[in-house]
Every structure is written in structure tokens, then in C-alpha cells.
């Protein structure tokens, strides 16, 4: 059974989050969370939050065991870009945002 969680409008550039997401793809949930806990990347915290949310959905809504869940893939998409101007320069400053979708597979 496939279970997923969506995290939107995260203030993290998608390019940086994809580096972390690709490193945990295909792992079990417990292994992925242990890997992300000690990762030096700042995006690891956001990816771990999406994984924990999907695992909680699987346990609560579908009565699946957390130890049997495997990360099928992590989709990191671009969200809206926040643009603003500074008082010193007229060049625009852009802050990129991302959306994370974490589908998992598990057996009941």
C-alpha cells in the first residue's frame, strides 16, 4: 500500500533539498531518519519532517507497521519564489521555496 505526505512552501531551495532526498531514497524509514539525524546538511531537517509525517499517516490511517515502511521516492518540486528589493541595490533578491512529497510503501 502506498502512503504519502506533502509539505508545501518550505523555505529551502529545491536544489539543496534534492541532494539530501536522493541520498535516502530506497531506505527503510528508521534507517533514513537515523541517516538524516547526523547529516550536516540543513535541508535534512525538512526532509526528515516530511518522512516522519508520512510514517505517522501510515500508522494512524492505515494501521501499517513503521518498521516495514520503505521510502519509494522523494519528490522535491519548486514552490513560489519570494522576490524583494533591497534599499542599497536595485537588483532583486530571490528566496526560493520548495514542496516535498514523500510516498512510501508498506505491507500490512
PDB file of N, CA and C in Angstrom:
ATOM      1  N   UNK A   1       0.843  -1.165   0.000  1.00  0.00           N
ATOM      2  CA  UNK A   1       0.000   0.000   0.000  1.00  0.00           C
ATOM      3  C   UNK A   1       0.896   1.238   0.000  1.00  0.00           C
ATOM      4  N   UNK A   2       0.500   2.251  -0.767  1.00  0.00           N
ATOM      5  CA  UNK A   2       1.297   3.471  -0.861  1.00  0.00           C
ATOM      6  C   UNK A   2       0.675   4.564  -0.011  1.00  0.00           C
ATOM      7  N   UNK A   3       1.496   5.181   0.813  1.00  0.00           N
ATOM      8  CA  UNK A   3       1.092   6.257   1.706  1.00  0.00           C
ATOM      9  C   UNK A   3       1.997   7.446   1.422  1.00  0.00           C
ATOM     10  N   UNK A   4       1.457   8.661   1.497  1.00  0.00           N
ATOM     11  CA  UNK A   4       2.315   9.812   1.228  1.00  0.00           C
ATOM     12  C   UNK A   4       1.957  10.975   2.138  1.00  0.00           C
ATOM     13  N   UNK A   5       2.853  11.954   2.177  1.00  0.00           N
ATOM     14  CA  UNK A   5       2.638  13.204   2.896  1.00  0.00           C
ATOM     15  C   UNK A   5       3.209  14.323   2.039  1.00  0.00           C
ATOM     16  N   UNK A   6       2.575  15.474   2.068  1.00  0.00           N
ATOM     17  CA  UNK A   6       3.008  16.611   1.271  1.00  0.00           C
ATOM     18  C   UNK A   6       3.344  17.768   2.201  1.00  0.00           C
ATOM     19  N   UNK A   7       4.469  18.374   1.955  1.00  0.00           N
ATOM     20  CA  UNK A   7       4.921  19.529   2.716  1.00  0.00           C
ATOM     21  C   UNK A   7       5.111  20.661   1.713  1.00  0.00           C
ATOM     22  N   UNK A   8       4.385  21.755   1.861  1.00  0.00           N
ATOM     23  CA  UNK A   8       4.426  22.820   0.864  1.00  0.00           C
ATOM     24  C   UNK A   8       4.986  24.107   1.440  1.00  0.00           C
ATOM     25  N   UNK A   9       5.508  24.953   0.555  1.00  0.00           N
ATOM     26  CA  UNK A   9       6.021  26.283   0.884  1.00  0.00           C
ATOM     27  C   UNK A   9       7.133  26.246   1.928  1.00  0.00           C
ATOM     28  N   UNK A  10       8.043  25.301   1.786  1.00  0.00           N
ATOM     29  CA  UNK A  10       9.181  25.183   2.691  1.00  0.00           C
ATOM     30  C   UNK A  10      10.258  26.165   2.239  1.00  0.00           C
ATOM     31  N   UNK A  11      10.787  26.943   3.140  1.00  0.00           N
ATOM     32  CA  UNK A  11      11.788  27.940   2.779  1.00  0.00           C
ATOM     33  C   UNK A  11      13.162  27.297   2.680  1.00  0.00           C
ATOM     34  N   UNK A  12      13.327  26.505   1.663  1.00  0.00           N
ATOM     35  CA  UNK A  12      14.596  25.829   1.378  1.00  0.00           C
ATOM     36  C   UNK A  12      14.660  25.682  -0.130  1.00  0.00           C
ATOM     37  N   UNK A  13      15.801  25.970  -0.714  1.00  0.00           N
ATOM     38  CA  UNK A  13      15.943  25.855  -2.162  1.00  0.00           C
ATOM     39  C   UNK A  13      15.790  24.399  -2.582  1.00  0.00           C
ATOM     40  N   UNK A  14      15.041  24.127  -3.659  1.00  0.00           N
ATOM     41  CA  UNK A  14      14.825  22.741  -4.074  1.00  0.00           C
ATOM     42  C   UNK A  14      16.113  22.034  -4.471  1.00  0.00           C
ATOM     43  N   UNK A  15      17.054  22.765  -5.008  1.00  0.00           N
ATOM     44  CA  UNK A  15      18.321  22.161  -5.423  1.00  0.00           C
ATOM     45  C   UNK A  15      19.072  21.575  -4.228  1.00  0.00           C
ATOM     46  N   UNK A  16      19.034  22.273  -3.102  1.00  0.00           N
ATOM     47  CA  UNK A  16      19.720  21.795  -1.896  1.00  0.00           C
ATOM     48  C   UNK A  16      18.966  20.634  -1.255  1.00  0.00           C
ATOM     49  N   UNK A  17      17.638  20.691  -1.306  1.00  0.00           N
ATOM     50  CA  UNK A  17      16.837  19.615  -0.710  1.00  0.00           C
ATOM     51  C   UNK A  17      16.939  18.327  -1.521  1.00  0.00           C
ATOM     52  N   UNK A  18      17.106  18.441  -2.842  1.00  0.00           N
ATOM     53  CA  UNK A  18      17.214  17.243  -3.681  1.00  0.00           C
ATOM     54  C   UNK A  18      18.489  16.464  -3.377  1.00  0.00           C
ATOM     55  N   UNK A  19      19.553  17.148  -3.000  1.00  0.00           N
ATOM     56  CA  UNK A  19      20.798  16.457  -2.641  1.00  0.00           C
ATOM     57  C   UNK A  19      20.574  15.519  -1.459  1.00  0.00           C
ATOM     58  N   UNK A  20      19.821  15.981  -0.487  1.00  0.00           N
ATOM     59  CA  UNK A  20      19.543  15.174   0.706  1.00  0.00           C
ATOM     60  C   UNK A  20      18.542  14.071   0.377  1.00  0.00           C
ATOM     61  N   UNK A  21      17.518  14.403  -0.399  1.00  0.00           N
ATOM     62  CA  UNK A  21      16.463  13.436  -0.710  1.00  0.00           C
ATOM     63  C   UNK A  21      16.994  12.265  -1.519  1.00  0.00           C
ATOM     64  N   UNK A  22      17.898  12.524  -2.445  1.00  0.00           N
ATOM     65  CA  UNK A  22      18.452  11.439  -3.262  1.00  0.00           C
ATOM     66  C   UNK A  22      19.318  10.489  -2.445  1.00  0.00           C
ATOM     67  N   UNK A  23      19.876  10.960  -1.336  1.00  0.00           N
ATOM     68  CA  UNK A  23      20.739  10.099  -0.527  1.00  0.00           C
ATOM     69  C   UNK A  23      19.948   9.088   0.308  1.00  0.00           C
ATOM     70  N   UNK A  24      18.676   9.338   0.585  1.00  0.00           N
ATOM     71  CA  UNK A  24      17.885   8.418   1.414  1.00  0.00           C
ATOM     72  C   UNK A  24      16.838   7.647   0.620  1.00  0.00           C
ATOM     73  N   UNK A  25      16.777   7.844  -0.668  1.00  0.00           N
ATOM     74  CA  UNK A  25      15.773   7.168  -1.493  1.00  0.00           C
ATOM     75  C   UNK A  25      16.000   5.659  -1.472  1.00  0.00           C
ATOM     76  N   UNK A  26      14.945   4.886  -1.230  1.00  0.00           N
ATOM     77  CA  UNK A  26      15.023   3.432  -1.212  1.00  0.00           C
ATOM     78  C   UNK A  26      15.346   2.834   0.150  1.00  0.00           C
ATOM     79  N   UNK A  27      15.609   3.655   1.167  1.00  0.00           N
ATOM     80  CA  UNK A  27      15.921   3.155   2.503  1.00  0.00           C
ATOM     81  C   UNK A  27      14.642   2.881   3.282  1.00  0.00           C
ATOM     82  N   UNK A  28      14.776   2.100   4.354  1.00  0.00           N
ATOM     83  CA  UNK A  28      13.684   1.955   5.306  1.00  0.00           C
ATOM     84  C   UNK A  28      13.570   3.259   6.089  1.00  0.00           C
ATOM     85  N   UNK A  29      12.410   3.499   6.671  1.00  0.00           N
ATOM     86  CA  UNK A  29      12.151   4.758   7.361  1.00  0.00           C
ATOM     87  C   UNK A  29      13.099   4.959   8.539  1.00  0.00           C
ATOM     88  N   UNK A  30      13.314   3.923   9.334  1.00  0.00           N
ATOM     89  CA  UNK A  30      14.189   4.057  10.502  1.00  0.00           C
ATOM     90  C   UNK A  30      15.625   4.347  10.092  1.00  0.00           C
ATOM     91  N   UNK A  31      16.096   3.702   9.017  1.00  0.00           N
ATOM     92  CA  UNK A  31      17.457   3.960   8.529  1.00  0.00           C
ATOM     93  C   UNK A  31      17.585   5.373   7.980  1.00  0.00           C
ATOM     94  N   UNK A  32      16.576   5.816   7.247  1.00  0.00           N
ATOM     95  CA  UNK A  32      16.615   7.152   6.657  1.00  0.00           C
ATOM     96  C   UNK A  32      16.616   8.234   7.731  1.00  0.00           C
ATOM     97  N   UNK A  33      15.807   8.061   8.770  1.00  0.00           N
ATOM     98  CA  UNK A  33      15.772   9.057   9.846  1.00  0.00           C
ATOM     99  C   UNK A  33      17.077   9.090  10.623  1.00  0.00           C
ATOM    100  N   UNK A  34      17.697   7.929  10.822  1.00  0.00           N
ATOM    101  CA  UNK A  34      18.998   7.885  11.501  1.00  0.00           C
ATOM    102  C   UNK A  34      20.069   8.564  10.649  1.00  0.00           C
ATOM    103  N   UNK A  35      20.013   8.348   9.342  1.00  0.00           N
ATOM    104  CA  UNK A  35      20.973   8.977   8.431  1.00  0.00           C
ATOM    105  C   UNK A  35      20.805  10.500   8.429  1.00  0.00           C
ATOM    106  N   UNK A  36      19.554  10.956   8.391  1.00  0.00           N
ATOM    107  CA  UNK A  36      19.287  12.387   8.331  1.00  0.00           C
ATOM    108  C   UNK A  36      19.597  13.099   9.639  1.00  0.00           C
ATOM    109  N   UNK A  37      19.508  12.376  10.746  1.00  0.00           N
ATOM    110  CA  UNK A  37      19.788  12.992  12.047  1.00  0.00           C
ATOM    111  C   UNK A  37      21.238  13.469  12.143  1.00  0.00           C
ATOM    112  N   UNK A  38      22.144  12.735  11.515  1.00  0.00           N
ATOM    113  CA  UNK A  38      23.561  13.077  11.608  1.00  0.00           C
ATOM    114  C   UNK A  38      24.101  13.712  10.328  1.00  0.00           C
ATOM    115  N   UNK A  39      23.225  14.076   9.425  1.00  0.00           N
ATOM    116  CA  UNK A  39      23.647  14.711   8.184  1.00  0.00           C
ATOM    117  C   UNK A  39      24.004  16.179   8.454  1.00  0.00           C
ATOM    118  N   UNK A  40      25.094  16.679   7.875  1.00  0.00           N
ATOM    119  CA  UNK A  40      25.473  18.076   8.103  1.00  0.00           C
ATOM    120  C   UNK A  40      24.658  19.077   7.287  1.00  0.00           C
ATOM    121  N   UNK A  41      23.836  18.602   6.372  1.00  0.00           N
ATOM    122  CA  UNK A  41      23.051  19.496   5.516  1.00  0.00           C
ATOM    123  C   UNK A  41      21.851  20.058   6.285  1.00  0.00           C
ATOM    124  N   UNK A  42      21.552  21.330   6.076  1.00  0.00           N
ATOM    125  CA  UNK A  42      20.413  21.952   6.753  1.00  0.00           C
ATOM    126  C   UNK A  42      19.087  21.443   6.216  1.00  0.00           C
ATOM    127  N   UNK A  43      19.058  21.023   4.968  1.00  0.00           N
ATOM    128  CA  UNK A  43      17.816  20.529   4.365  1.00  0.00           C
ATOM    129  C   UNK A  43      17.407  19.177   4.945  1.00  0.00           C
ATOM    130  N   UNK A  44      18.303  18.507   5.650  1.00  0.00           N
ATOM    131  CA  UNK A  44      17.995  17.199   6.225  1.00  0.00           C
ATOM    132  C   UNK A  44      16.855  17.290   7.237  1.00  0.00           C
ATOM    133  N   UNK A  45      16.776  18.404   7.947  1.00  0.00           N
ATOM    134  CA  UNK A  45      15.713  18.578   8.941  1.00  0.00           C
ATOM    135  C   UNK A  45      14.344  18.629   8.270  1.00  0.00           C
ATOM    136  N   UNK A  46      14.249  19.339   7.135  1.00  0.00           N
ATOM    137  CA  UNK A  46      12.974  19.444   6.426  1.00  0.00           C
ATOM    138  C   UNK A  46      12.569  18.121   5.792  1.00  0.00           C
ATOM    139  N   UNK A  47      13.527  17.396   5.241  1.00  0.00           N
ATOM    140  CA  UNK A  47      13.238  16.098   4.624  1.00  0.00           C
ATOM    141  C   UNK A  47      12.809  15.095   5.700  1.00  0.00           C
ATOM    142  N   UNK A  48      13.472  15.116   6.851  1.00  0.00           N
ATOM    143  CA  UNK A  48      13.114  14.212   7.942  1.00  0.00           C
ATOM    144  C   UNK A  48      11.696  14.499   8.442  1.00  0.00           C
ATOM    145  N   UNK A  49      11.327  15.759   8.459  1.00  0.00           N
ATOM    146  CA  UNK A  49       9.984  16.134   8.910  1.00  0.00           C
ATOM    147  C   UNK A  49       8.914  15.569   7.972  1.00  0.00           C
ATOM    148  N   UNK A  50       9.177  15.603   6.663  1.00  0.00           N
ATOM    149  CA  UNK A  50       8.228  15.050   5.693  1.00  0.00           C
ATOM    150  C   UNK A  50       8.134  13.528   5.822  1.00  0.00           C
ATOM    151  N   UNK A  51       9.269  12.880   6.082  1.00  0.00           N
ATOM    152  CA  UNK A  51       9.279  11.418   6.236  1.00  0.00           C
ATOM    153  C   UNK A  51       8.519  11.011   7.500  1.00  0.00           C
ATOM    154  N   UNK A  52       8.726  11.731   8.590  1.00  0.00           N
ATOM    155  CA  UNK A  52       8.024  11.429   9.836  1.00  0.00           C
ATOM    156  C   UNK A  52       6.515  11.600   9.671  1.00  0.00           C
ATOM    157  N   UNK A  53       6.118  12.614   8.920  1.00  0.00           N
ATOM    158  CA  UNK A  53       4.698  12.856   8.693  1.00  0.00           C
ATOM    159  C   UNK A  53       4.067  11.721   7.886  1.00  0.00           C
ATOM    160  N   UNK A  54       4.749  11.262   6.854  1.00  0.00           N
ATOM    161  CA  UNK A  54       4.225  10.161   6.045  1.00  0.00           C
ATOM    162  C   UNK A  54       4.162   8.869   6.853  1.00  0.00           C
ATOM    163  N   UNK A  55       5.157   8.638   7.708  1.00  0.00           N
ATOM    164  CA  UNK A  55       5.155   7.440   8.548  1.00  0.00           C
ATOM    165  C   UNK A  55       4.009   7.490   9.556  1.00  0.00           C
ATOM    166  N   UNK A  56       3.739   8.669  10.108  1.00  0.00           N
ATOM    167  CA  UNK A  56       2.628   8.812  11.045  1.00  0.00           C
ATOM    168  C   UNK A  56       1.287   8.589  10.339  1.00  0.00           C
ATOM    169  N   UNK A  57       1.179   9.063   9.088  1.00  0.00           N
ATOM    170  CA  UNK A  57      -0.043   8.810   8.313  1.00  0.00           C
ATOM    171  C   UNK A  57      -0.250   7.316   8.099  1.00  0.00           C
ATOM    172  N   UNK A  58       0.821   6.604   7.808  1.00  0.00           N
ATOM    173  CA  UNK A  58       0.727   5.165   7.567  1.00  0.00           C
ATOM    174  C   UNK A  58       0.296   4.422   8.823  1.00  0.00           C
ATOM    175  N   UNK A  59       0.844   4.816   9.965  1.00  0.00           N
ATOM    176  CA  UNK A  59       0.495   4.147  11.223  1.00  0.00           C
ATOM    177  C   UNK A  59      -0.933   4.450  11.643  1.00  0.00           C
ATOM    178  N   UNK A  60      -1.315   5.704  11.569  1.00  0.00           N
ATOM    179  CA  UNK A  60      -2.616   6.112  12.094  1.00  0.00           C
ATOM    180  C   UNK A  60      -3.765   5.771  11.155  1.00  0.00           C
ATOM    181  N   UNK A  61      -3.596   6.042   9.869  1.00  0.00           N
ATOM    182  CA  UNK A  61      -4.715   5.894   8.930  1.00  0.00           C
ATOM    183  C   UNK A  61      -4.839   4.491   8.342  1.00  0.00           C
ATOM    184  N   UNK A  62      -3.724   3.788   8.200  1.00  0.00           N
ATOM    185  CA  UNK A  62      -3.751   2.501   7.504  1.00  0.00           C
ATOM    186  C   UNK A  62      -3.269   1.334   8.362  1.00  0.00           C
ATOM    187  N   UNK A  63      -2.957   1.566   9.639  1.00  0.00           N
ATOM    188  CA  UNK A  63      -2.512   0.532  10.576  1.00  0.00           C
ATOM    189  C   UNK A  63      -1.314  -0.259  10.047  1.00  0.00           C
ATOM    190  N   UNK A  64      -0.350   0.430   9.443  1.00  0.00           N
ATOM    191  CA  UNK A  64       0.868  -0.211   8.962  1.00  0.00           C
ATOM    192  C   UNK A  64       1.953  -0.107  10.018  1.00  0.00           C
ATOM    193  N   UNK A  65       2.859  -1.064  10.018  1.00  0.00           N
ATOM    194  CA  UNK A  65       3.967  -1.069  10.954  1.00  0.00           C
ATOM    195  C   UNK A  65       5.066  -0.148  10.430  1.00  0.00           C
ATOM    196  N   UNK A  66       5.594   0.693  11.290  1.00  0.00           N
ATOM    197  CA  UNK A  66       6.614   1.668  10.881  1.00  0.00           C
ATOM    198  C   UNK A  66       7.909   0.989  10.422  1.00  0.00           C
ATOM    199  N   UNK A  67       8.201  -0.193  10.977  1.00  0.00           N
ATOM    200  CA  UNK A  67       9.451  -0.888  10.626  1.00  0.00           C
ATOM    201  C   UNK A  67       9.403  -1.479   9.218  1.00  0.00           C
ATOM    202  N   UNK A  68       8.214  -1.672   8.659  1.00  0.00           N
ATOM    203  CA  UNK A  68       8.077  -2.270   7.332  1.00  0.00           C
ATOM    204  C   UNK A  68       8.032  -1.239   6.207  1.00  0.00           C
ATOM    205  N   UNK A  69       7.981   0.042   6.538  1.00  0.00           N
ATOM    206  CA  UNK A  69       7.843   1.090   5.521  1.00  0.00           C
ATOM    207  C   UNK A  69       9.170   1.361   4.819  1.00  0.00           C
ATOM    208  N   UNK A  70       9.102   1.508   3.508  1.00  0.00           N
ATOM    209  CA  UNK A  70      10.272   1.798   2.683  1.00  0.00           C
ATOM    210  C   UNK A  70       9.978   3.054   1.880  1.00  0.00           C
ATOM    211  N   UNK A  71      10.954   3.955   1.801  1.00  0.00           N
ATOM    212  CA  UNK A  71      10.794   5.174   1.006  1.00  0.00           C
ATOM    213  C   UNK A  71      10.855   4.830  -0.465  1.00  0.00           C
ATOM    214  N   UNK A  72       9.762   4.999  -1.137  1.00  0.00           N
ATOM    215  CA  UNK A  72       9.708   4.682  -2.555  1.00  0.00           C
ATOM    216  C   UNK A  72      10.461   5.747  -3.353  1.00  0.00           C
ATOM    217  N   UNK A  73      10.149   6.993  -3.114  1.00  0.00           N
ATOM    218  CA  UNK A  73      10.840   8.112  -3.742  1.00  0.00           C
ATOM    219  C   UNK A  73      10.505   9.370  -2.958  1.00  0.00           C
ATOM    220  N   UNK A  74      11.310  10.398  -3.135  1.00  0.00           N
ATOM    221  CA  UNK A  74      11.045  11.696  -2.530  1.00  0.00           C
ATOM    222  C   UNK A  74      11.007  12.717  -3.652  1.00  0.00           C
ATOM    223  N   UNK A  75       9.873  13.334  -3.841  1.00  0.00           N
ATOM    224  CA  UNK A  75       9.726  14.323  -4.892  1.00  0.00           C
ATOM    225  C   UNK A  75       9.936  15.710  -4.307  1.00  0.00           C
ATOM    226  N   UNK A  76      10.897  16.437  -4.844  1.00  0.00           N
ATOM    227  CA  UNK A  76      11.159  17.802  -4.419  1.00  0.00           C
ATOM    228  C   UNK A  76      10.856  18.703  -5.613  1.00  0.00           C
ATOM    229  N   UNK A  77       9.800  19.486  -5.517  1.00  0.00           N
ATOM    230  CA  UNK A  77       9.391  20.371  -6.590  1.00  0.00           C
ATOM    231  C   UNK A  77       9.620  21.823  -6.182  1.00  0.00           C
ATOM    232  N   UNK A  78       9.633  22.694  -7.176  1.00  0.00           N
ATOM    233  CA  UNK A  78       9.789  24.113  -6.893  1.00  0.00           C
ATOM    234  C   UNK A  78       8.474  24.701  -6.429  1.00  0.00           C
ATOM    235  N   UNK A  79       8.572  25.580  -5.455  1.00  0.00           N
ATOM    236  CA  UNK A  79       7.415  26.322  -4.984  1.00  0.00           C
ATOM    237  C   UNK A  79       7.513  27.750  -5.487  1.00  0.00           C
ATOM    238  N   UNK A  80       6.721  28.640  -4.943  1.00  0.00           N
ATOM    239  CA  UNK A  80       6.787  30.029  -5.372  1.00  0.00           C
ATOM    240  C   UNK A  80       8.088  30.690  -4.923  1.00  0.00           C
ATOM    241  N   UNK A  81       8.570  31.621  -5.734  1.00  0.00           N
ATOM    242  CA  UNK A  81       9.794  32.355  -5.420  1.00  0.00           C
ATOM    243  C   UNK A  81       9.414  33.699  -4.812  1.00  0.00           C
ATOM    244  N   UNK A  82       9.995  34.019  -3.683  1.00  0.00           N
ATOM    245  CA  UNK A  82       9.735  35.272  -2.988  1.00  0.00           C
ATOM    246  C   UNK A  82      10.744  36.296  -3.474  1.00  0.00           C
ATOM    247  N   UNK A  83      10.266  37.370  -4.076  1.00  0.00           N
ATOM    248  CA  UNK A  83      11.154  38.395  -4.624  1.00  0.00           C
ATOM    249  C   UNK A  83      11.012  39.679  -3.825  1.00  0.00           C
ATOM    250  N   UNK A  84      12.130  40.333  -3.587  1.00  0.00           N
ATOM    251  CA  UNK A  84      12.095  41.619  -2.906  1.00  0.00           C
ATOM    252  C   UNK A  84      13.295  42.450  -3.344  1.00  0.00           C
ATOM    253  N   UNK A  85      13.247  43.709  -3.084  1.00  0.00           N
ATOM    254  CA  UNK A  85      14.335  44.619  -3.429  1.00  0.00           C
ATOM    255  C   UNK A  85      14.972  45.128  -2.137  1.00  0.00           C
ATOM    256  N   UNK A  86      16.270  45.396  -2.217  1.00  0.00           N
ATOM    257  CA  UNK A  86      16.971  45.930  -1.058  1.00  0.00           C
ATOM    258  C   UNK A  86      17.051  47.438  -1.175  1.00  0.00           C
ATOM    259  N   UNK A  87      17.332  48.105  -0.092  1.00  0.00           N
ATOM    260  CA  UNK A  87      17.435  49.557  -0.119  1.00  0.00           C
ATOM    261  C   UNK A  87      18.767  50.020  -0.709  1.00  0.00           C
ATOM    262  N   UNK A  88      19.754  49.161  -0.710  1.00  0.00           N
ATOM    263  CA  UNK A  88      21.079  49.522  -1.203  1.00  0.00           C
ATOM    264  C   UNK A  88      21.165  49.361  -2.715  1.00  0.00           C
ATOM    265  N   UNK A  89      20.664  48.273  -3.203  1.00  0.00           N
ATOM    266  CA  UNK A  89      20.786  47.950  -4.618  1.00  0.00           C
ATOM    267  C   UNK A  89      19.399  47.789  -5.235  1.00  0.00           C
ATOM    268  N   UNK A  90      19.333  47.977  -6.550  1.00  0.00           N
ATOM    269  CA  UNK A  90      18.047  47.784  -7.211  1.00  0.00           C
ATOM    270  C   UNK A  90      17.910  46.377  -7.781  1.00  0.00           C
ATOM    271  N   UNK A  91      18.933  45.557  -7.610  1.00  0.00           N
ATOM    272  CA  UNK A  91      18.864  44.177  -8.089  1.00  0.00           C
ATOM    273  C   UNK A  91      17.926  43.380  -7.184  1.00  0.00           C
ATOM    274  N   UNK A  92      17.054  42.584  -7.761  1.00  0.00           N
ATOM    275  CA  UNK A  92      16.119  41.822  -6.922  1.00  0.00           C
ATOM    276  C   UNK A  92      16.814  40.684  -6.170  1.00  0.00           C
ATOM    277  N   UNK A  93      16.336  40.423  -4.979  1.00  0.00           N
ATOM    278  CA  UNK A  93      16.799  39.314  -4.159  1.00  0.00           C
ATOM    279  C   UNK A  93      15.707  38.254  -4.209  1.00  0.00           C
ATOM    280  N   UNK A  94      16.069  37.013  -4.529  1.00  0.00           N
ATOM    281  CA  UNK A  94      15.066  35.956  -4.617  1.00  0.00           C
ATOM    282  C   UNK A  94      15.323  34.894  -3.558  1.00  0.00           C
ATOM    283  N   UNK A  95      14.269  34.482  -2.891  1.00  0.00           N
ATOM    284  CA  UNK A  95      14.322  33.378  -1.935  1.00  0.00           C
ATOM    285  C   UNK A  95      13.466  32.262  -2.503  1.00  0.00           C
ATOM    286  N   UNK A  96      14.062  31.145  -2.784  1.00  0.00           N
ATOM    287  CA  UNK A  96      13.333  30.031  -3.390  1.00  0.00           C
ATOM    288  C   UNK A  96      12.678  29.174  -2.320  1.00  0.00           C
ATOM    289  N   UNK A  97      11.542  28.611  -2.685  1.00  0.00           N
ATOM    290  CA  UNK A  97      10.823  27.702  -1.798  1.00  0.00           C
ATOM    291  C   UNK A  97      10.621  26.377  -2.509  1.00  0.00           C
ATOM    292  N   UNK A  98      10.309  25.343  -1.743  1.00  0.00           N
ATOM    293  CA  UNK A  98      10.143  24.021  -2.334  1.00  0.00           C
ATOM    294  C   UNK A  98       8.935  23.317  -1.738  1.00  0.00           C
ATOM    295  N   UNK A  99       8.484  22.288  -2.443  1.00  0.00           N
ATOM    296  CA  UNK A  99       7.410  21.414  -1.974  1.00  0.00           C
ATOM    297  C   UNK A  99       7.948  19.988  -1.958  1.00  0.00           C
ATOM    298  N   UNK A 100       7.679  19.255  -0.879  1.00  0.00           N
ATOM    299  CA  UNK A 100       8.189  17.909  -0.733  1.00  0.00           C
ATOM    300  C   UNK A 100       7.029  16.927  -0.666  1.00  0.00           C
ATOM    301  N   UNK A 101       7.118  15.864  -1.430  1.00  0.00           N
ATOM    302  CA  UNK A 101       6.141  14.770  -1.380  1.00  0.00           C
ATOM    303  C   UNK A 101       6.914  13.492  -1.098  1.00  0.00           C
ATOM    304  N   UNK A 102       6.507  12.762  -0.071  1.00  0.00           N
ATOM    305  CA  UNK A 102       7.244  11.564   0.308  1.00  0.00           C
ATOM    306  C   UNK A 102       6.342  10.336   0.292  1.00  0.00           C
ATOM    307  N   UNK A 103       6.228   9.660  -0.862  1.00  0.00           N
ATOM    308  CA  UNK A 103       5.447   8.419  -0.899  1.00  0.00           C
ATOM    309  C   UNK A 103       6.232   7.244  -0.316  1.00  0.00           C
ATOM    310  N   UNK A 104       5.541   6.357   0.391  1.00  0.00           N
ATOM    311  CA  UNK A 104       6.144   5.178   1.000  1.00  0.00           C
ATOM    312  C   UNK A 104       5.330   3.957   0.647  1.00  0.00           C
ATOM    313  N   UNK A 105       5.986   2.824   0.703  1.00  0.00           N
ATOM    314  CA  UNK A 105       5.279   1.562   0.517  1.00  0.00           C
ATOM    315  C   UNK A 105       5.446   0.723   1.765  1.00  0.00           C
ATOM    316  N   UNK A 106       4.397   0.028   2.124  1.00  0.00           N
ATOM    317  CA  UNK A 106       4.451  -0.843   3.273  1.00  0.00           C
ATOM    318  C   UNK A 106       3.462  -1.983   3.122  1.00  0.00           C
ATOM    319  N   UNK A 107       3.730  -3.051   3.825  1.00  0.00           N
ATOM    320  CA  UNK A 107       2.808  -4.193   3.792  1.00  0.00           C
ATOM    321  C   UNK A 107       2.095  -4.283   5.133  1.00  0.00           C
ATOM    322  N   UNK A 108       0.852  -4.677   5.105  1.00  0.00           N
ATOM    323  CA  UNK A 108       0.067  -4.710   6.331  1.00  0.00           C
ATOM    324  C   UNK A 108       0.192  -5.992   7.068  1.00  0.00           C
TER     325      UNK A 108
END
